[in-house]
Amino acid sequence: MDVSQPTDRAESRAALAILLDRPGLSAGELDEHISALVRYADRRGLSLDACLVARDRGRMVSACLCIDSPGRVSSVFIPMLERYLRPSDAIRGLLNESARLAGQRRVQMMQAMVSPDAALEAGVYRESGFDWLAELIYMDCDTSRPIRLPNGLPELRWVSYGSGTHELFSRVVEGTYVGSLDCVALSGVRAIEDILASHRAAGEFDPSSWLVGLAGDEPVGVVLVGRIPERWAHEVVYMGVLPSWRDGGYGTVLLREALRRARDAGMTVLTLTVDARNVPAQRLYRRFGFWETSRRSVWMRLLPAMESGSKA
């Protein structure tokens, strides 16, 4: 089995075809999916060059794509169809070589998302040095829907993100990770600058939509919102309350402000993700009328620089 990069544009599209193929797709529909991905990557400034293919006696049998993003994270994609996943040693070879090359690009964490019932893909990731991180629930809220919230909620003063408040945001975001129920295995693993860089890259970044809530002069929590123009939606990229302020209704206040600003901006949807183990957060979101749209299992592989504890 030979692992190498596609040799030309035609091979690159052939590799993407393997990755995007789904049951029932016609050849024309598959080609349009490929073109849509290329257009999306161009629009977002993402590279599709970190692609590898496996060949058996010269015939392309499988592929793997890594898309690097700010924060030294690379999203990994392998085929979903069983016929492309066998033999599994081809995928393992692709994933291991992708990890080696990602390390050369200074990527610190590779992550992959699959359907929770994708046992075959999960097994391949596990065999290739990935660890299960979480099952994420994707949720949407119709911004036009009226909501009823408790009376007497606390009031906060809002500070937006900028060069002068960067240190404040860094301190508050990092502080909210203490005791968090979301993606617990990541606690203390990534440097805060990488975390903020990843959050900025989620959707279209608008510093005025990143908010720290203050009670008097004391920070209480943070809500980071990005724009998803393709859906005419805002996304709550991250929300957290500092441990000493929890159970005081402040999560409700943070989310209420995100919803209010989405409405004011003319967004029709507010969307977010939550760890399936974070039951208190799910209760909060459902009070706001959020409903579940899908679930994905997240697998991660830390590359050697992180495994040794280095955050350089």
C-alpha atoms as a PDB file:
ATOM      1  CA  MET A   1       0.000   0.000   0.000  1.00  0.00           C
ATOM      2  CA  ASP A   2       1.467   3.341  -1.079  1.00  0.00           C
ATOM      3  CA  VAL A   3       0.586   6.616   0.680  1.00  0.00           C
ATOM      4  CA  SER A   4       1.298   9.891  -1.082  1.00  0.00           C
ATOM      5  CA  GLN A   5      -0.203  13.227  -2.061  1.00  0.00           C
ATOM      6  CA  PRO A   6      -2.405  13.592  -5.142  1.00  0.00           C
ATOM      7  CA  THR A   7      -0.264  14.347  -8.160  1.00  0.00           C
ATOM      8  CA  ASP A   8      -2.535  16.870  -9.887  1.00  0.00           C
ATOM      9  CA  ARG A   9      -5.911  18.620  -9.750  1.00  0.00           C
ATOM     10  CA  ALA A  10      -7.740  15.630 -11.206  1.00  0.00           C
ATOM     11  CA  GLU A  11      -6.364  13.343  -8.502  1.00  0.00           C
ATOM     12  CA  SER A  12      -7.209  15.917  -5.843  1.00  0.00           C
ATOM     13  CA  ARG A  13     -10.837  15.942  -6.985  1.00  0.00           C
ATOM     14  CA  ALA A  14     -10.827  12.139  -7.127  1.00  0.00           C
ATOM     15  CA  ALA A  15      -9.648  12.078  -3.505  1.00  0.00           C
ATOM     16  CA  LEU A  16     -12.373  14.530  -2.501  1.00  0.00           C
ATOM     17  CA  ALA A  17     -14.888  12.325  -4.303  1.00  0.00           C
ATOM     18  CA  ILE A  18     -13.880   9.390  -2.090  1.00  0.00           C
ATOM     19  CA  LEU A  19     -14.247  11.580   1.014  1.00  0.00           C
ATOM     20  CA  LEU A  20     -17.615  13.107   0.071  1.00  0.00           C
ATOM     21  CA  ASP A  21     -19.304  10.117  -1.513  1.00  0.00           C
ATOM     22  CA  ARG A  22     -22.596   9.135   0.100  1.00  0.00           C
ATOM     23  CA  PRO A  23     -25.212   6.502  -0.681  1.00  0.00           C
ATOM     24  CA  GLY A  24     -27.650   7.683  -3.338  1.00  0.00           C
ATOM     25  CA  LEU A  25     -25.535  10.548  -4.682  1.00  0.00           C
ATOM     26  CA  SER A  26     -25.396  10.792  -8.452  1.00  0.00           C
ATOM     27  CA  ALA A  27     -22.099  11.574 -10.165  1.00  0.00           C
ATOM     28  CA  GLY A  28     -23.324  15.095 -10.920  1.00  0.00           C
ATOM     29  CA  GLU A  29     -24.402  15.711  -7.320  1.00  0.00           C
ATOM     30  CA  LEU A  30     -21.076  14.427  -6.019  1.00  0.00           C
ATOM     31  CA  ASP A  31     -19.194  16.726  -8.391  1.00  0.00           C
ATOM     32  CA  GLU A  32     -21.250  19.695  -7.158  1.00  0.00           C
ATOM     33  CA  HIS A  33     -20.475  18.769  -3.544  1.00  0.00           C
ATOM     34  CA  ILE A  34     -16.769  18.786  -4.404  1.00  0.00           C
ATOM     35  CA  SER A  35     -17.035  22.183  -6.081  1.00  0.00           C
ATOM     36  CA  ALA A  36     -19.009  23.556  -3.115  1.00  0.00           C
ATOM     37  CA  LEU A  37     -16.284  22.423  -0.710  1.00  0.00           C
ATOM     38  CA  VAL A  38     -13.595  24.055  -2.862  1.00  0.00           C
ATOM     39  CA  ARG A  39     -15.579  27.306  -2.992  1.00  0.00           C
ATOM     40  CA  TYR A  40     -16.151  27.235   0.761  1.00  0.00           C
ATOM     41  CA  ALA A  41     -12.449  26.670   1.457  1.00  0.00           C
ATOM     42  CA  ASP A  42     -11.509  29.538  -0.863  1.00  0.00           C
ATOM     43  CA  ARG A  43     -14.030  31.848   0.794  1.00  0.00           C
ATOM     44  CA  ARG A  44     -12.797  31.005   4.303  1.00  0.00           C
ATOM     45  CA  GLY A  45      -9.107  31.026   3.406  1.00  0.00           C
ATOM     46  CA  LEU A  46      -8.699  27.316   4.175  1.00  0.00           C
ATOM     47  CA  SER A  47      -6.274  25.018   2.409  1.00  0.00           C
ATOM     48  CA  LEU A  48      -7.218  21.610   1.009  1.00  0.00           C
ATOM     49  CA  ASP A  49      -3.592  20.780   0.228  1.00  0.00           C
ATOM     50  CA  ALA A  50      -3.036  18.508   3.258  1.00  0.00           C
ATOM     51  CA  CYS A  51      -4.616  15.592   1.448  1.00  0.00           C
ATOM     52  CA  LEU A  52      -3.197  12.084   1.176  1.00  0.00           C
ATOM     53  CA  VAL A  53      -4.293   9.106  -0.864  1.00  0.00           C
ATOM     54  CA  ALA A  54      -3.627   5.391  -0.511  1.00  0.00           C
ATOM     55  CA  ARG A  55      -2.923   3.397  -3.648  1.00  0.00           C
ATOM     56  CA  ASP A  56      -2.975  -0.349  -4.144  1.00  0.00           C
ATOM     57  CA  ARG A  57      -0.952  -1.324  -7.221  1.00  0.00           C
ATOM     58  CA  GLY A  58      -1.426   2.186  -8.537  1.00  0.00           C
ATOM     59  CA  ARG A  59      -5.195   2.334  -7.974  1.00  0.00           C
ATOM     60  CA  MET A  60      -6.510   4.955  -5.533  1.00  0.00           C
ATOM     61  CA  VAL A  61      -8.374   3.085  -2.797  1.00  0.00           C
ATOM     62  CA  SER A  62      -8.796   5.629  -0.008  1.00  0.00           C
ATOM     63  CA  ALA A  63      -8.033   9.192   1.073  1.00  0.00           C
ATOM     64  CA  CYS A  64      -7.582  11.417   4.107  1.00  0.00           C
ATOM     65  CA  LEU A  65      -7.907  15.196   4.298  1.00  0.00           C
ATOM     66  CA  CYS A  66      -6.648  17.521   7.039  1.00  0.00           C
ATOM     67  CA  ILE A  67      -7.869  21.113   7.160  1.00  0.00           C
ATOM     68  CA  ASP A  68      -5.724  23.252   9.457  1.00  0.00           C
ATOM     69  CA  SER A  69      -7.257  26.165  11.300  1.00  0.00           C
ATOM     70  CA  PRO A  70      -5.993  28.858  13.684  1.00  0.00           C
ATOM     71  CA  GLY A  71      -5.174  27.582  17.144  1.00  0.00           C
ATOM     72  CA  ARG A  72      -2.939  24.806  15.785  1.00  0.00           C
ATOM     73  CA  VAL A  73      -5.874  22.456  15.248  1.00  0.00           C
ATOM     74  CA  SER A  74      -6.423  20.280  12.204  1.00  0.00           C
ATOM     75  CA  SER A  75      -9.797  18.760  11.321  1.00  0.00           C
ATOM     76  CA  VAL A  76      -9.462  15.258   9.882  1.00  0.00           C
ATOM     77  CA  PHE A  77     -11.757  13.677   7.322  1.00  0.00           C
ATOM     78  CA  ILE A  78     -11.831  10.062   6.192  1.00  0.00           C
ATOM     79  CA  PRO A  79     -14.404   8.310   3.991  1.00  0.00           C
ATOM     80  CA  MET A  80     -17.717   7.306   5.527  1.00  0.00           C
ATOM     81  CA  LEU A  81     -18.508   4.469   3.171  1.00  0.00           C
ATOM     82  CA  GLU A  82     -17.440   1.013   4.266  1.00  0.00           C
ATOM     83  CA  ARG A  83     -16.057   0.125   0.862  1.00  0.00           C
ATOM     84  CA  TYR A  84     -13.456   2.889   1.203  1.00  0.00           C
ATOM     85  CA  LEU A  85     -12.572   2.007   4.784  1.00  0.00           C
ATOM     86  CA  ARG A  86     -11.422  -1.489   3.953  1.00  0.00           C
ATOM     87  CA  PRO A  87      -8.712  -2.539   4.308  1.00  0.00           C
ATOM     88  CA  SER A  88      -8.435  -0.555   7.541  1.00  0.00           C
ATOM     89  CA  ASP A  89      -4.628  -0.626   7.413  1.00  0.00           C
ATOM     90  CA  ALA A  90      -4.873   1.799   4.468  1.00  0.00           C
ATOM     91  CA  ILE A  91      -6.754   4.311   6.636  1.00  0.00           C
ATOM     92  CA  ARG A  92      -4.364   3.772   9.546  1.00  0.00           C
ATOM     93  CA  GLY A  93      -1.450   4.433   7.235  1.00  0.00           C
ATOM     94  CA  LEU A  94      -3.106   7.596   5.961  1.00  0.00           C
ATOM     95  CA  LEU A  95      -3.888   8.842   9.458  1.00  0.00           C
ATOM     96  CA  ASN A  96      -0.411   8.149  10.813  1.00  0.00           C
ATOM     97  CA  GLU A  97       1.285   9.844   7.883  1.00  0.00           C
ATOM     98  CA  SER A  98      -1.158  12.760   8.195  1.00  0.00           C
ATOM     99  CA  ALA A  99      -0.185  13.086  11.861  1.00  0.00           C
ATOM    100  CA  ARG A 100       3.508  13.132  10.995  1.00  0.00           C
ATOM    101  CA  LEU A 101       3.005  15.861   8.404  1.00  0.00           C
ATOM    102  CA  ALA A 102       0.686  17.818  10.702  1.00  0.00           C
ATOM    103  CA  GLY A 103       3.425  17.880  13.326  1.00  0.00           C
ATOM    104  CA  GLN A 104       5.755  19.415  10.756  1.00  0.00           C
ATOM    105  CA  ARG A 105       3.132  22.151  10.246  1.00  0.00           C
ATOM    106  CA  ARG A 106       3.169  22.757  14.036  1.00  0.00           C
ATOM    107  CA  VAL A 107      -0.346  21.403  14.481  1.00  0.00           C
ATOM    108  CA  GLN A 108      -0.881  20.421  18.099  1.00  0.00           C
ATOM    109  CA  MET A 109      -4.219  18.645  17.968  1.00  0.00           C
ATOM    110  CA  MET A 110      -5.991  16.638  15.289  1.00  0.00           C
ATOM    111  CA  GLN A 111      -9.735  16.248  15.669  1.00  0.00           C
ATOM    112  CA  ALA A 112     -12.332  14.228  13.829  1.00  0.00           C
ATOM    113  CA  MET A 113     -16.115  14.165  14.033  1.00  0.00           C
ATOM    114  CA  VAL A 114     -18.234  11.158  13.108  1.00  0.00           C
ATOM    115  CA  SER A 115     -21.780  10.001  13.651  1.00  0.00           C
ATOM    116  CA  PRO A 116     -22.201   8.467  17.137  1.00  0.00           C
ATOM    117  CA  ASP A 117     -23.214   5.163  15.527  1.00  0.00           C
ATOM    118  CA  ALA A 118     -20.243   5.093  13.092  1.00  0.00           C
ATOM    119  CA  ALA A 119     -18.579   2.120  14.790  1.00  0.00           C
ATOM    120  CA  LEU A 120     -16.284   1.333  11.884  1.00  0.00           C
ATOM    121  CA  GLU A 121     -14.847   4.850  11.654  1.00  0.00           C
ATOM    122  CA  ALA A 122     -14.563   5.074  15.444  1.00  0.00           C
ATOM    123  CA  GLY A 123     -12.583   1.839  15.518  1.00  0.00           C
ATOM    124  CA  VAL A 124     -10.168   3.111  12.867  1.00  0.00           C
ATOM    125  CA  TYR A 125      -9.590   6.337  14.766  1.00  0.00           C
ATOM    126  CA  ARG A 126      -9.001   4.421  18.011  1.00  0.00           C
ATOM    127  CA  GLU A 127      -6.522   2.123  16.299  1.00  0.00           C
ATOM    128  CA  SER A 128      -4.717   5.191  14.912  1.00  0.00           C
ATOM    129  CA  GLY A 129      -3.990   6.832  18.256  1.00  0.00           C
ATOM    130  CA  PHE A 130      -7.115   8.985  18.596  1.00  0.00           C
ATOM    131  CA  ASP A 131      -9.014   9.223  21.884  1.00  0.00           C
ATOM    132  CA  TRP A 132     -12.737   9.779  22.245  1.00  0.00           C
ATOM    133  CA  LEU A 133     -13.352  13.296  23.546  1.00  0.00           C
ATOM    134  CA  ALA A 134     -17.090  13.872  23.686  1.00  0.00           C
ATOM    135  CA  GLU A 135     -20.450  13.469  22.060  1.00  0.00           C
ATOM    136  CA  LEU A 136     -21.607  16.897  20.967  1.00  0.00           C
ATOM    137  CA  ILE A 137     -25.242  17.882  20.625  1.00  0.00           C
ATOM    138  CA  TYR A 138     -25.952  20.539  18.007  1.00  0.00           C
ATOM    139  CA  MET A 139     -28.863  22.806  18.919  1.00  0.00           C
ATOM    140  CA  ASP A 140     -30.773  25.608  17.186  1.00  0.00           C
ATOM    141  CA  CYS A 141     -33.094  28.311  18.458  1.00  0.00           C
ATOM    142  CA  ASP A 142     -35.590  30.317  16.415  1.00  0.00           C
ATOM    143  CA  THR A 143     -34.761  33.914  17.360  1.00  0.00           C
ATOM    144  CA  SER A 144     -38.328  35.075  16.639  1.00  0.00           C
ATOM    145  CA  ARG A 145     -39.820  32.715  19.196  1.00  0.00           C
ATOM    146  CA  PRO A 146     -40.864  34.434  22.446  1.00  0.00           C
ATOM    147  CA  ILE A 147     -39.338  33.053  25.631  1.00  0.00           C
ATOM    148  CA  ARG A 148     -40.356  33.317  29.262  1.00  0.00           C
ATOM    149  CA  LEU A 149     -37.548  33.785  31.746  1.00  0.00           C
ATOM    150  CA  PRO A 150     -37.610  34.149  35.535  1.00  0.00           C
ATOM    151  CA  ASN A 151     -38.116  37.600  37.022  1.00  0.00           C
ATOM    152  CA  GLY A 152     -35.365  39.259  39.003  1.00  0.00           C
ATOM    153  CA  LEU A 153     -32.430  38.144  36.898  1.00  0.00           C
ATOM    154  CA  PRO A 154     -29.172  39.963  37.727  1.00  0.00           C
ATOM    155  CA  GLU A 155     -27.999  42.771  35.476  1.00  0.00           C
ATOM    156  CA  LEU A 156     -24.553  42.853  33.929  1.00  0.00           C
ATOM    157  CA  ARG A 157     -22.406  45.441  32.241  1.00  0.00           C
ATOM    158  CA  TRP A 158     -20.933  44.312  28.934  1.00  0.00           C
ATOM    159  CA  VAL A 159     -17.357  44.708  27.742  1.00  0.00           C
ATOM    160  CA  SER A 160     -16.478  43.730  24.168  1.00  0.00           C
ATOM    161  CA  TYR A 161     -13.258  42.263  22.862  1.00  0.00           C
ATOM    162  CA  GLY A 162     -10.329  44.365  21.674  1.00  0.00           C
ATOM    163  CA  SER A 163      -6.622  44.850  22.123  1.00  0.00           C
ATOM    164  CA  GLY A 164      -7.236  46.590  25.423  1.00  0.00           C
ATOM    165  CA  THR A 165      -9.432  43.794  26.788  1.00  0.00           C
ATOM    166  CA  HIS A 166      -7.553  40.801  25.402  1.00  0.00           C
ATOM    167  CA  GLU A 167      -5.990  39.978  28.761  1.00  0.00           C
ATOM    168  CA  LEU A 168      -9.408  40.176  30.455  1.00  0.00           C
ATOM    169  CA  PHE A 169     -10.930  37.758  27.951  1.00  0.00           C
ATOM    170  CA  SER A 170      -7.965  35.398  28.266  1.00  0.00           C
ATOM    171  CA  ARG A 171      -8.272  35.362  32.041  1.00  0.00           C
ATOM    172  CA  VAL A 172     -12.038  34.899  32.097  1.00  0.00           C
ATOM    173  CA  VAL A 173     -12.214  32.215  29.401  1.00  0.00           C
ATOM    174  CA  GLU A 174      -9.459  30.234  31.125  1.00  0.00           C
ATOM    175  CA  GLY A 175     -11.136  30.680  34.499  1.00  0.00           C
ATOM    176  CA  THR A 176     -14.476  29.353  33.265  1.00  0.00           C
ATOM    177  CA  TYR A 177     -12.831  26.042  32.336  1.00  0.00           C
ATOM    178  CA  VAL A 178     -12.418  25.216  36.036  1.00  0.00           C
ATOM    179  CA  GLY A 179     -15.075  22.625  36.863  1.00  0.00           C
ATOM    180  CA  SER A 180     -16.620  22.843  33.400  1.00  0.00           C
ATOM    181  CA  LEU A 181     -18.682  19.879  32.190  1.00  0.00           C
ATOM    182  CA  ASP A 182     -17.877  20.496  28.510  1.00  0.00           C
ATOM    183  CA  CYS A 183     -15.078  18.419  26.915  1.00  0.00           C
ATOM    184  CA  VAL A 184     -13.442  17.740  30.266  1.00  0.00           C
ATOM    185  CA  ALA A 185     -10.468  15.935  28.719  1.00  0.00           C
ATOM    186  CA  LEU A 186      -9.305  19.209  27.134  1.00  0.00           C
ATOM    187  CA  SER A 187      -9.054  21.060  30.440  1.00  0.00           C
ATOM    188  CA  GLY A 188      -5.510  22.404  30.835  1.00  0.00           C
ATOM    189  CA  VAL A 189      -4.328  20.836  27.581  1.00  0.00           C
ATOM    190  CA  ARG A 190      -4.242  23.825  25.220  1.00  0.00           C
ATOM    191  CA  ALA A 191      -2.663  27.241  25.667  1.00  0.00           C
ATOM    192  CA  ILE A 192      -5.191  30.056  26.043  1.00  0.00           C
ATOM    193  CA  GLU A 193      -3.869  31.897  22.971  1.00  0.00           C
ATOM    194  CA  ASP A 194      -4.549  28.811  20.851  1.00  0.00           C
ATOM    195  CA  ILE A 195      -8.032  28.495  22.367  1.00  0.00           C
ATOM    196  CA  LEU A 196      -8.908  32.105  21.547  1.00  0.00           C
ATOM    197  CA  ALA A 197      -7.484  31.743  18.037  1.00  0.00           C
ATOM    198  CA  SER A 198      -9.735  28.714  17.466  1.00  0.00           C
ATOM    199  CA  HIS A 199     -12.770  30.609  18.739  1.00  0.00           C
ATOM    200  CA  ARG A 200     -12.000  33.580  16.468  1.00  0.00           C
ATOM    201  CA  ALA A 201     -11.891  31.220  13.483  1.00  0.00           C
ATOM    202  CA  ALA A 202     -15.386  29.852  14.179  1.00  0.00           C
ATOM    203  CA  GLY A 203     -17.680  31.583  11.716  1.00  0.00           C
ATOM    204  CA  GLU A 204     -17.115  35.237  10.918  1.00  0.00           C
ATOM    205  CA  PHE A 205     -15.380  36.963  13.811  1.00  0.00           C
ATOM    206  CA  ASP A 206     -16.860  40.241  15.076  1.00  0.00           C
ATOM    207  CA  PRO A 207     -15.111  41.567  18.199  1.00  0.00           C
ATOM    208  CA  SER A 208     -18.244  43.450  19.242  1.00  0.00           C
ATOM    209  CA  SER A 209     -20.019  40.080  19.585  1.00  0.00           C
ATOM    210  CA  TRP A 210     -17.485  38.782  22.095  1.00  0.00           C
ATOM    211  CA  LEU A 211     -18.651  39.852  25.544  1.00  0.00           C
ATOM    212  CA  VAL A 212     -17.483  39.645  29.135  1.00  0.00           C
ATOM    213  CA  GLY A 213     -20.252  40.310  31.633  1.00  0.00           C
ATOM    214  CA  LEU A 214     -19.313  42.389  34.675  1.00  0.00           C
ATOM    215  CA  ALA A 215     -21.136  42.677  37.998  1.00  0.00           C
ATOM    216  CA  GLY A 216     -19.859  46.048  39.099  1.00  0.00           C
ATOM    217  CA  ASP A 217     -16.189  45.771  38.198  1.00  0.00           C
ATOM    218  CA  GLU A 218     -15.969  42.012  38.687  1.00  0.00           C
ATOM    219  CA  PRO A 219     -16.043  39.647  35.688  1.00  0.00           C
ATOM    220  CA  VAL A 220     -18.774  37.028  35.939  1.00  0.00           C
ATOM    221  CA  GLY A 221     -18.567  35.132  32.676  1.00  0.00           C
ATOM    222  CA  VAL A 222     -18.110  35.307  28.935  1.00  0.00           C
ATOM    223  CA  VAL A 223     -20.116  34.655  25.792  1.00  0.00           C
ATOM    224  CA  LEU A 224     -18.387  34.519  22.414  1.00  0.00           C
ATOM    225  CA  VAL A 225     -20.602  34.755  19.335  1.00  0.00           C
ATOM    226  CA  GLY A 226     -19.683  34.297  15.676  1.00  0.00           C
ATOM    227  CA  ARG A 227     -21.678  34.824  12.501  1.00  0.00           C
ATOM    228  CA  ILE A 228     -22.589  32.052  10.063  1.00  0.00           C
ATOM    229  CA  PRO A 229     -23.551  33.926   6.886  1.00  0.00           C
ATOM    230  CA  GLU A 230     -24.486  30.755   5.000  1.00  0.00           C
ATOM    231  CA  ARG A 231     -27.350  30.176   7.465  1.00  0.00           C
ATOM    232  CA  TRP A 232     -28.156  33.774   8.411  1.00  0.00           C
ATOM    233  CA  ALA A 233     -27.341  32.684  11.943  1.00  0.00           C
ATOM    234  CA  HIS A 234     -25.291  33.565  14.973  1.00  0.00           C
ATOM    235  CA  GLU A 235     -23.375  30.823  16.777  1.00  0.00           C
ATOM    236  CA  VAL A 236     -22.563  30.778  20.475  1.00  0.00           C
ATOM    237  CA  VAL A 237     -18.990  29.643  19.987  1.00  0.00           C
ATOM    238  CA  TYR A 238     -18.302  29.525  23.713  1.00  0.00           C
ATOM    239  CA  MET A 239     -20.102  30.504  26.899  1.00  0.00           C
ATOM    240  CA  GLY A 240     -18.969  30.058  30.474  1.00  0.00           C
ATOM    241  CA  VAL A 241     -19.450  31.405  34.000  1.00  0.00           C
ATOM    242  CA  LEU A 242     -16.643  31.702  36.523  1.00  0.00           C
ATOM    243  CA  PRO A 243     -16.970  29.148  39.363  1.00  0.00           C
ATOM    244  CA  SER A 244     -17.636  31.714  42.111  1.00  0.00           C
ATOM    245  CA  TRP A 245     -20.619  33.135  40.178  1.00  0.00           C
ATOM    246  CA  ARG A 246     -22.333  29.908  39.195  1.00  0.00           C
ATOM    247  CA  ASP A 247     -25.899  29.072  40.247  1.00  0.00           C
ATOM    248  CA  GLY A 248     -26.823  32.748  40.333  1.00  0.00           C
ATOM    249  CA  GLY A 249     -28.689  32.971  37.037  1.00  0.00           C
ATOM    250  CA  TYR A 250     -25.740  34.431  35.176  1.00  0.00           C
ATOM    251  CA  GLY A 251     -25.727  31.745  32.477  1.00  0.00           C
ATOM    252  CA  THR A 252     -29.288  32.784  31.663  1.00  0.00           C
ATOM    253  CA  VAL A 253     -28.221  36.424  31.443  1.00  0.00           C
ATOM    254  CA  LEU A 254     -25.296  35.629  29.141  1.00  0.00           C
ATOM    255  CA  LEU A 255     -27.474  33.587  26.789  1.00  0.00           C
ATOM    256  CA  ARG A 256     -30.256  36.193  26.868  1.00  0.00           C
ATOM    257  CA  GLU A 257     -27.776  38.823  25.699  1.00  0.00           C
ATOM    258  CA  ALA A 258     -26.547  36.584  22.872  1.00  0.00           C
ATOM    259  CA  LEU A 259     -30.145  36.013  21.760  1.00  0.00           C
ATOM    260  CA  ARG A 260     -30.988  39.721  21.984  1.00  0.00           C
ATOM    261  CA  ARG A 261     -28.038  40.671  19.812  1.00  0.00           C
ATOM    262  CA  ALA A 262     -28.871  37.970  17.278  1.00  0.00           C
ATOM    263  CA  ARG A 263     -32.377  39.395  16.975  1.00  0.00           C
ATOM    264  CA  ASP A 264     -31.069  42.952  16.666  1.00  0.00           C
ATOM    265  CA  ALA A 265     -28.728  41.833  13.883  1.00  0.00           C
ATOM    266  CA  GLY A 266     -31.624  40.277  11.963  1.00  0.00           C
ATOM    267  CA  MET A 267     -30.420  36.703  12.457  1.00  0.00           C
ATOM    268  CA  THR A 268     -33.132  34.057  12.196  1.00  0.00           C
ATOM    269  CA  VAL A 269     -31.263  31.350  14.110  1.00  0.00           C
ATOM    270  CA  LEU A 270     -29.024  31.152  17.159  1.00  0.00           C
ATOM    271  CA  THR A 271     -27.046  27.923  17.237  1.00  0.00           C
ATOM    272  CA  LEU A 272     -24.630  26.211  19.621  1.00  0.00           C
ATOM    273  CA  THR A 273     -23.149  22.865  20.618  1.00  0.00           C
ATOM    274  CA  VAL A 274     -23.045  21.227  24.032  1.00  0.00           C
ATOM    275  CA  ASP A 275     -21.377  18.166  25.502  1.00  0.00           C
ATOM    276  CA  ALA A 276     -24.003  15.448  25.951  1.00  0.00           C
ATOM    277  CA  ARG A 277     -22.742  14.987  29.524  1.00  0.00           C
ATOM    278  CA  ASN A 278     -23.466  18.620  30.413  1.00  0.00           C
ATOM    279  CA  VAL A 279     -27.049  18.181  31.568  1.00  0.00           C
ATOM    280  CA  PRO A 280     -27.360  21.559  33.391  1.00  0.00           C
ATOM    281  CA  ALA A 281     -26.388  23.454  30.223  1.00  0.00           C
ATOM    282  CA  GLN A 282     -28.884  21.464  28.175  1.00  0.00           C
ATOM    283  CA  ARG A 283     -31.657  22.389  30.614  1.00  0.00           C
ATOM    284  CA  LEU A 284     -30.736  26.056  30.240  1.00  0.00           C
ATOM    285  CA  TYR A 285     -30.729  25.900  26.453  1.00  0.00           C
ATOM    286  CA  ARG A 286     -34.088  24.164  26.300  1.00  0.00           C
ATOM    287  CA  ARG A 287     -35.606  26.903  28.471  1.00  0.00           C
ATOM    288  CA  PHE A 288     -34.631  29.247  25.653  1.00  0.00           C
ATOM    289  CA  GLY A 289     -36.364  27.044  23.101  1.00  0.00           C
ATOM    290  CA  PHE A 290     -33.277  25.347  21.666  1.00  0.00           C
ATOM    291  CA  TRP A 291     -33.896  21.973  20.061  1.00  0.00           C
ATOM    292  CA  GLU A 292     -31.490  19.232  19.056  1.00  0.00           C
ATOM    293  CA  THR A 293     -30.602  19.049  15.361  1.00  0.00           C
ATOM    294  CA  SER A 294     -27.843  16.409  15.309  1.00  0.00           C
ATOM    295  CA  ARG A 295     -25.077  14.722  17.260  1.00  0.00           C
ATOM    296  CA  ARG A 296     -21.421  14.037  16.488  1.00  0.00           C
ATOM    297  CA  SER A 297     -18.754  12.075  18.311  1.00  0.00           C
ATOM    298  CA  VAL A 298     -15.422  13.885  18.592  1.00  0.00           C
ATOM    299  CA  TRP A 299     -12.102  12.058  18.456  1.00  0.00           C
ATOM    300  CA  MET A 300      -8.774  13.760  19.067  1.00  0.00           C
ATOM    301  CA  ARG A 301      -5.114  12.947  18.707  1.00  0.00           C
ATOM    302  CA  LEU A 302      -2.571  15.084  20.539  1.00  0.00           C
ATOM    303  CA  LEU A 303       0.677  15.414  18.660  1.00  0.00           C
ATOM    304  CA  PRO A 304       4.055  14.918  20.394  1.00  0.00           C
ATOM    305  CA  ALA A 305       4.611  18.561  21.362  1.00  0.00           C
ATOM    306  CA  MET A 306       1.412  18.479  23.421  1.00  0.00           C
ATOM    307  CA  GLU A 307       1.823  14.958  24.695  1.00  0.00           C
ATOM    308  CA  SER A 308       5.110  16.042  26.310  1.00  0.00           C
ATOM    309  CA  GLY A 309       3.325  18.954  28.007  1.00  0.00           C
ATOM    310  CA  SER A 310       4.844  21.665  25.828  1.00  0.00           C
ATOM    311  CA  LYS A 311       2.647  24.632  24.937  1.00  0.00           C
ATOM    312  CA  ALA A 312       5.285  26.377  22.880  1.00  0.00           C
END
